[in-house]
Amino acid sequence: MVLGKLSFIINTPTKGKHESRDGFKIRRLAVESKIPCFTALDTVEALYEALEKGTKEEDLTPVDIGVI
């Protein structure tokens, strides 16, 4: 049971995607609860830097990483 509200979860996978592992369960619960879940620390660092600079959502430009 979650008593408070989470803004996001940081969960870095270490030993695969087997559904019996705690990390898998945490990531699945995050998705089912619509809580953003970061699985790479470089992404969390980029978020922190954007928040620190005061970047607003309207200042961002989406990038299709499939074409990089």
PDB file of N, CA and C in Angstrom:
ATOM      1  N   MET A   1       0.840  -1.177   0.000  1.00  0.00           N
ATOM      2  CA  MET A   1       0.000   0.000   0.000  1.00  0.00           C
ATOM      3  C   MET A   1       0.888   1.244   0.000  1.00  0.00           C
ATOM      4  N   VAL A   2       0.601   2.173  -0.875  1.00  0.00           N
ATOM      5  CA  VAL A   2       1.342   3.423  -0.958  1.00  0.00           C
ATOM      6  C   VAL A   2       0.602   4.475  -0.141  1.00  0.00           C
ATOM      7  N   LEU A   3       1.305   5.091   0.800  1.00  0.00           N
ATOM      8  CA  LEU A   3       0.665   6.069   1.671  1.00  0.00           C
ATOM      9  C   LEU A   3       0.740   7.486   1.138  1.00  0.00           C
ATOM     10  N   GLY A   4       1.767   7.772   0.333  1.00  0.00           N
ATOM     11  CA  GLY A   4       1.921   9.104  -0.224  1.00  0.00           C
ATOM     12  C   GLY A   4       1.876   9.046  -1.737  1.00  0.00           C
ATOM     13  N   LYS A   5       2.118  10.173  -2.358  1.00  0.00           N
ATOM     14  CA  LYS A   5       2.122  10.222  -3.810  1.00  0.00           C
ATOM     15  C   LYS A   5       3.562  10.311  -4.300  1.00  0.00           C
ATOM     16  N   LEU A   6       3.887   9.461  -5.254  1.00  0.00           N
ATOM     17  CA  LEU A   6       5.222   9.471  -5.840  1.00  0.00           C
ATOM     18  C   LEU A   6       5.227  10.310  -7.107  1.00  0.00           C
ATOM     19  N   SER A   7       6.277  11.101  -7.293  1.00  0.00           N
ATOM     20  CA  SER A   7       6.431  11.869  -8.521  1.00  0.00           C
ATOM     21  C   SER A   7       7.030  11.004  -9.614  1.00  0.00           C
ATOM     22  N   PHE A   8       7.990  10.164  -9.231  1.00  0.00           N
ATOM     23  CA  PHE A   8       8.604   9.232 -10.167  1.00  0.00           C
ATOM     24  C   PHE A   8       9.385   8.186  -9.389  1.00  0.00           C
ATOM     25  N   ILE A   9       9.783   7.135 -10.099  1.00  0.00           N
ATOM     26  CA  ILE A   9      10.554   6.046  -9.509  1.00  0.00           C
ATOM     27  C   ILE A   9      11.843   5.901 -10.298  1.00  0.00           C
ATOM     28  N   ILE A  10      12.940   5.650  -9.598  1.00  0.00           N
ATOM     29  CA  ILE A  10      14.205   5.308 -10.240  1.00  0.00           C
ATOM     30  C   ILE A  10      14.457   3.841  -9.919  1.00  0.00           C
ATOM     31  N   ASN A  11      14.501   3.008 -10.954  1.00  0.00           N
ATOM     32  CA  ASN A  11      14.694   1.578 -10.772  1.00  0.00           C
ATOM     33  C   ASN A  11      15.572   1.067 -11.906  1.00  0.00           C
ATOM     34  N   THR A  12      16.831   0.792 -11.599  1.00  0.00           N
ATOM     35  CA  THR A  12      17.760   0.350 -12.636  1.00  0.00           C
ATOM     36  C   THR A  12      17.838  -1.170 -12.625  1.00  0.00           C
ATOM     37  N   PRO A  13      17.410  -1.810 -13.719  1.00  0.00           N
ATOM     38  CA  PRO A  13      17.448  -3.279 -13.795  1.00  0.00           C
ATOM     39  C   PRO A  13      18.882  -3.795 -13.676  1.00  0.00           C
ATOM     40  N   THR A  14      19.050  -4.902 -12.934  1.00  0.00           N
ATOM     41  CA  THR A  14      20.384  -5.458 -12.743  1.00  0.00           C
ATOM     42  C   THR A  14      20.515  -6.892 -13.242  1.00  0.00           C
ATOM     43  N   LYS A  15      19.483  -7.687 -13.109  1.00  0.00           N
ATOM     44  CA  LYS A  15      19.618  -9.106 -13.454  1.00  0.00           C
ATOM     45  C   LYS A  15      18.479  -9.585 -14.338  1.00  0.00           C
ATOM     46  N   GLY A  16      18.185  -8.829 -15.375  1.00  0.00           N
ATOM     47  CA  GLY A  16      17.180  -9.281 -16.321  1.00  0.00           C
ATOM     48  C   GLY A  16      15.777  -8.849 -16.003  1.00  0.00           C
ATOM     49  N   LYS A  17      14.854  -9.433 -16.750  1.00  0.00           N
ATOM     50  CA  LYS A  17      13.461  -9.002 -16.692  1.00  0.00           C
ATOM     51  C   LYS A  17      12.536 -10.104 -16.176  1.00  0.00           C
ATOM     52  N   HIS A  18      13.035 -10.954 -15.321  1.00  0.00           N
ATOM     53  CA  HIS A  18      12.200 -12.042 -14.820  1.00  0.00           C
ATOM     54  C   HIS A  18      11.159 -11.490 -13.864  1.00  0.00           C
ATOM     55  N   GLU A  19       9.912 -11.902 -14.073  1.00  0.00           N
ATOM     56  CA  GLU A  19       8.808 -11.286 -13.323  1.00  0.00           C
ATOM     57  C   GLU A  19       8.791 -11.616 -11.832  1.00  0.00           C
ATOM     58  N   SER A  20       9.622 -12.522 -11.366  1.00  0.00           N
ATOM     59  CA  SER A  20       9.659 -12.813  -9.929  1.00  0.00           C
ATOM     60  C   SER A  20      10.604 -11.861  -9.189  1.00  0.00           C
ATOM     61  N   ARG A  21      11.401 -11.094  -9.900  1.00  0.00           N
ATOM     62  CA  ARG A  21      12.359 -10.182  -9.278  1.00  0.00           C
ATOM     63  C   ARG A  21      11.662  -8.905  -8.803  1.00  0.00           C
ATOM     64  N   ASP A  22      12.141  -8.351  -7.719  1.00  0.00           N
ATOM     65  CA  ASP A  22      11.539  -7.144  -7.143  1.00  0.00           C
ATOM     66  C   ASP A  22      11.545  -5.973  -8.127  1.00  0.00           C
ATOM     67  N   GLY A  23      12.657  -5.785  -8.836  1.00  0.00           N
ATOM     68  CA  GLY A  23      12.753  -4.679  -9.782  1.00  0.00           C
ATOM     69  C   GLY A  23      11.684  -4.756 -10.853  1.00  0.00           C
ATOM     70  N   PHE A  24      11.429  -5.955 -11.349  1.00  0.00           N
ATOM     71  CA  PHE A  24      10.380  -6.152 -12.359  1.00  0.00           C
ATOM     72  C   PHE A  24       9.032  -5.736 -11.777  1.00  0.00           C
ATOM     73  N   LYS A  25       8.765  -6.185 -10.559  1.00  0.00           N
ATOM     74  CA  LYS A  25       7.479  -5.866  -9.911  1.00  0.00           C
ATOM     75  C   LYS A  25       7.326  -4.359  -9.702  1.00  0.00           C
ATOM     76  N   ILE A  26       8.419  -3.700  -9.310  1.00  0.00           N
ATOM     77  CA  ILE A  26       8.382  -2.250  -9.094  1.00  0.00           C
ATOM     78  C   ILE A  26       8.085  -1.520 -10.401  1.00  0.00           C
ATOM     79  N   ARG A  27       8.785  -1.912 -11.479  1.00  0.00           N
ATOM     80  CA  ARG A  27       8.564  -1.256 -12.776  1.00  0.00           C
ATOM     81  C   ARG A  27       7.145  -1.503 -13.272  1.00  0.00           C
ATOM     82  N   ARG A  28       6.651  -2.706 -13.105  1.00  0.00           N
ATOM     83  CA  ARG A  28       5.286  -3.029 -13.538  1.00  0.00           C
ATOM     84  C   ARG A  28       4.261  -2.204 -12.754  1.00  0.00           C
ATOM     85  N   LEU A  29       4.430  -2.120 -11.442  1.00  0.00           N
ATOM     86  CA  LEU A  29       3.520  -1.328 -10.607  1.00  0.00           C
ATOM     87  C   LEU A  29       3.559   0.141 -11.011  1.00  0.00           C
ATOM     88  N   ALA A  30       4.743   0.634 -11.349  1.00  0.00           N
ATOM     89  CA  ALA A  30       4.861   2.023 -11.798  1.00  0.00           C
ATOM     90  C   ALA A  30       4.038   2.249 -13.053  1.00  0.00           C
ATOM     91  N   VAL A  31       4.172   1.359 -14.018  1.00  0.00           N
ATOM     92  CA  VAL A  31       3.410   1.492 -15.273  1.00  0.00           C
ATOM     93  C   VAL A  31       1.911   1.410 -15.003  1.00  0.00           C
ATOM     94  N   GLU A  32       1.508   0.423 -14.215  1.00  0.00           N
ATOM     95  CA  GLU A  32       0.081   0.250 -13.908  1.00  0.00           C
ATOM     96  C   GLU A  32      -0.484   1.431 -13.130  1.00  0.00           C
ATOM     97  N   SER A  33       0.365   2.107 -12.357  1.00  0.00           N
ATOM     98  CA  SER A  33      -0.076   3.247 -11.542  1.00  0.00           C
ATOM     99  C   SER A  33       0.143   4.585 -12.246  1.00  0.00           C
ATOM    100  N   LYS A  34       0.648   4.525 -13.476  1.00  0.00           N
ATOM    101  CA  LYS A  34       0.933   5.721 -14.274  1.00  0.00           C
ATOM    102  C   LYS A  34       1.931   6.648 -13.579  1.00  0.00           C
ATOM    103  N   ILE A  35       2.933   6.041 -12.947  1.00  0.00           N
ATOM    104  CA  ILE A  35       4.016   6.780 -12.299  1.00  0.00           C
ATOM    105  C   ILE A  35       5.240   6.661 -13.201  1.00  0.00           C
ATOM    106  N   PRO A  36       5.843   7.784 -13.603  1.00  0.00           N
ATOM    107  CA  PRO A  36       7.039   7.698 -14.441  1.00  0.00           C
ATOM    108  C   PRO A  36       8.124   6.863 -13.746  1.00  0.00           C
ATOM    109  N   CYS A  37       8.769   5.993 -14.530  1.00  0.00           N
ATOM    110  CA  CYS A  37       9.809   5.128 -13.994  1.00  0.00           C
ATOM    111  C   CYS A  37      11.056   5.267 -14.854  1.00  0.00           C
ATOM    112  N   PHE A  38      12.122   5.744 -14.249  1.00  0.00           N
ATOM    113  CA  PHE A  38      13.391   5.905 -14.954  1.00  0.00           C
ATOM    114  C   PHE A  38      14.236   4.660 -14.715  1.00  0.00           C
ATOM    115  N   THR A  39      14.779   4.094 -15.797  1.00  0.00           N
ATOM    116  CA  THR A  39      15.570   2.873 -15.683  1.00  0.00           C
ATOM    117  C   THR A  39      17.035   3.100 -16.030  1.00  0.00           C
ATOM    118  N   ALA A  40      17.421   4.349 -16.243  1.00  0.00           N
ATOM    119  CA  ALA A  40      18.818   4.672 -16.532  1.00  0.00           C
ATOM    120  C   ALA A  40      19.184   5.962 -15.798  1.00  0.00           C
ATOM    121  N   LEU A  41      20.328   5.938 -15.145  1.00  0.00           N
ATOM    122  CA  LEU A  41      20.734   7.099 -14.344  1.00  0.00           C
ATOM    123  C   LEU A  41      21.062   8.316 -15.203  1.00  0.00           C
ATOM    124  N   ASP A  42      21.504   8.118 -16.452  1.00  0.00           N
ATOM    125  CA  ASP A  42      21.783   9.279 -17.302  1.00  0.00           C
ATOM    126  C   ASP A  42      20.506  10.041 -17.625  1.00  0.00           C
ATOM    127  N   THR A  43      19.394   9.334 -17.707  1.00  0.00           N
ATOM    128  CA  THR A  43      18.109   9.992 -17.951  1.00  0.00           C
ATOM    129  C   THR A  43      17.681  10.797 -16.728  1.00  0.00           C
ATOM    130  N   VAL A  44      17.889  10.254 -15.546  1.00  0.00           N
ATOM    131  CA  VAL A  44      17.577  10.964 -14.302  1.00  0.00           C
ATOM    132  C   VAL A  44      18.442  12.217 -14.192  1.00  0.00           C
ATOM    133  N   GLU A  45      19.710  12.090 -14.577  1.00  0.00           N
ATOM    134  CA  GLU A  45      20.608  13.246 -14.546  1.00  0.00           C
ATOM    135  C   GLU A  45      20.121  14.340 -15.497  1.00  0.00           C
ATOM    136  N   ALA A  46      19.667  13.952 -16.690  1.00  0.00           N
ATOM    137  CA  ALA A  46      19.139  14.928 -17.652  1.00  0.00           C
ATOM    138  C   ALA A  46      17.889  15.615 -17.091  1.00  0.00           C
ATOM    139  N   LEU A  47      17.023  14.855 -16.432  1.00  0.00           N
ATOM    140  CA  LEU A  47      15.833  15.434 -15.808  1.00  0.00           C
ATOM    141  C   LEU A  47      16.231  16.441 -14.734  1.00  0.00           C
ATOM    142  N   TYR A  48      17.180  16.047 -13.885  1.00  0.00           N
ATOM    143  CA  TYR A  48      17.641  16.932 -12.812  1.00  0.00           C
ATOM    144  C   TYR A  48      18.196  18.234 -13.382  1.00  0.00           C
ATOM    145  N   GLU A  49      19.012  18.124 -14.424  1.00  0.00           N
ATOM    146  CA  GLU A  49      19.598  19.319 -15.038  1.00  0.00           C
ATOM    147  C   GLU A  49      18.509  20.223 -15.620  1.00  0.00           C
ATOM    148  N   ALA A  50      17.507  19.627 -16.256  1.00  0.00           N
ATOM    149  CA  ALA A  50      16.413  20.422 -16.822  1.00  0.00           C
ATOM    150  C   ALA A  50      15.627  21.124 -15.717  1.00  0.00           C
ATOM    151  N   LEU A  51      15.358  20.414 -14.627  1.00  0.00           N
ATOM    152  CA  LEU A  51      14.630  21.017 -13.508  1.00  0.00           C
ATOM    153  C   LEU A  51      15.454  22.119 -12.851  1.00  0.00           C
ATOM    154  N   GLU A  52      16.750  21.873 -12.712  1.00  0.00           N
ATOM    155  CA  GLU A  52      17.634  22.862 -12.101  1.00  0.00           C
ATOM    156  C   GLU A  52      17.673  24.152 -12.916  1.00  0.00           C
ATOM    157  N   LYS A  53      17.627  24.036 -14.244  1.00  0.00           N
ATOM    158  CA  LYS A  53      17.656  25.197 -15.139  1.00  0.00           C
ATOM    159  C   LYS A  53      16.297  25.871 -15.252  1.00  0.00           C
ATOM    160  N   GLY A  54      15.259  25.240 -14.722  1.00  0.00           N
ATOM    161  CA  GLY A  54      13.927  25.807 -14.823  1.00  0.00           C
ATOM    162  C   GLY A  54      13.284  25.591 -16.191  1.00  0.00           C
ATOM    163  N   THR A  55      13.735  24.573 -16.917  1.00  0.00           N
ATOM    164  CA  THR A  55      13.185  24.286 -18.240  1.00  0.00           C
ATOM    165  C   THR A  55      11.706  23.943 -18.131  1.00  0.00           C
ATOM    166  N   LYS A  56      10.923  24.532 -19.011  1.00  0.00           N
ATOM    167  CA  LYS A  56       9.486  24.267 -19.045  1.00  0.00           C
ATOM    168  C   LYS A  56       9.178  23.301 -20.192  1.00  0.00           C
ATOM    169  N   GLU A  57       8.085  22.580 -20.045  1.00  0.00           N
ATOM    170  CA  GLU A  57       7.703  21.587 -21.050  1.00  0.00           C
ATOM    171  C   GLU A  57       7.573  22.204 -22.436  1.00  0.00           C
ATOM    172  N   GLU A  58       7.037  23.402 -22.510  1.00  0.00           N
ATOM    173  CA  GLU A  58       6.852  24.045 -23.817  1.00  0.00           C
ATOM    174  C   GLU A  58       8.182  24.452 -24.466  1.00  0.00           C
ATOM    175  N   ASP A  59       9.266  24.458 -23.688  1.00  0.00           N
ATOM    176  CA  ASP A  59      10.590  24.777 -24.228  1.00  0.00           C
ATOM    177  C   ASP A  59      11.290  23.561 -24.833  1.00  0.00           C
ATOM    178  N   LEU A  60      10.700  22.387 -24.656  1.00  0.00           N
ATOM    179  CA  LEU A  60      11.326  21.148 -25.119  1.00  0.00           C
ATOM    180  C   LEU A  60      10.863  20.778 -26.523  1.00  0.00           C
ATOM    181  N   THR A  61      11.746  20.122 -27.252  1.00  0.00           N
ATOM    182  CA  THR A  61      11.422  19.617 -28.581  1.00  0.00           C
ATOM    183  C   THR A  61      11.594  18.102 -28.571  1.00  0.00           C
ATOM    184  N   PRO A  62      10.527  17.354 -28.892  1.00  0.00           N
ATOM    185  CA  PRO A  62      10.638  15.894 -28.912  1.00  0.00           C
ATOM    186  C   PRO A  62      11.636  15.434 -29.973  1.00  0.00           C
ATOM    187  N   VAL A  63      12.356  14.364 -29.668  1.00  0.00           N
ATOM    188  CA  VAL A  63      13.324  13.787 -30.593  1.00  0.00           C
ATOM    189  C   VAL A  63      12.993  12.319 -30.764  1.00  0.00           C
ATOM    190  N   ASP A  64      12.897  11.865 -32.005  1.00  0.00           N
ATOM    191  CA  ASP A  64      12.663  10.465 -32.303  1.00  0.00           C
ATOM    192  C   ASP A  64      13.995   9.734 -32.218  1.00  0.00           C
ATOM    193  N   ILE A  65      14.222   9.004 -31.131  1.00  0.00           N
ATOM    194  CA  ILE A  65      15.513   8.356 -30.944  1.00  0.00           C
ATOM    195  C   ILE A  65      15.704   7.170 -31.888  1.00  0.00           C
ATOM    196  N   GLY A  66      14.643   6.776 -32.583  1.00  0.00           N
ATOM    197  CA  GLY A  66      14.748   5.698 -33.549  1.00  0.00           C
ATOM    198  C   GLY A  66      15.471   6.108 -34.819  1.00  0.00           C
ATOM    199  N   VAL A  67      15.645   7.408 -35.027  1.00  0.00           N
ATOM    200  CA  VAL A  67      16.308   7.893 -36.253  1.00  0.00           C
ATOM    201  C   VAL A  67      17.656   8.532 -35.982  1.00  0.00           C
ATOM    202  N   ILE A  68      18.115   8.460 -34.752  1.00  0.00           N
ATOM    203  CA  ILE A  68      19.416   9.053 -34.415  1.00  0.00           C
ATOM    204  C   ILE A  68      20.518   8.109 -34.828  1.00  0.00           C
TER     205      ILE A  68
END
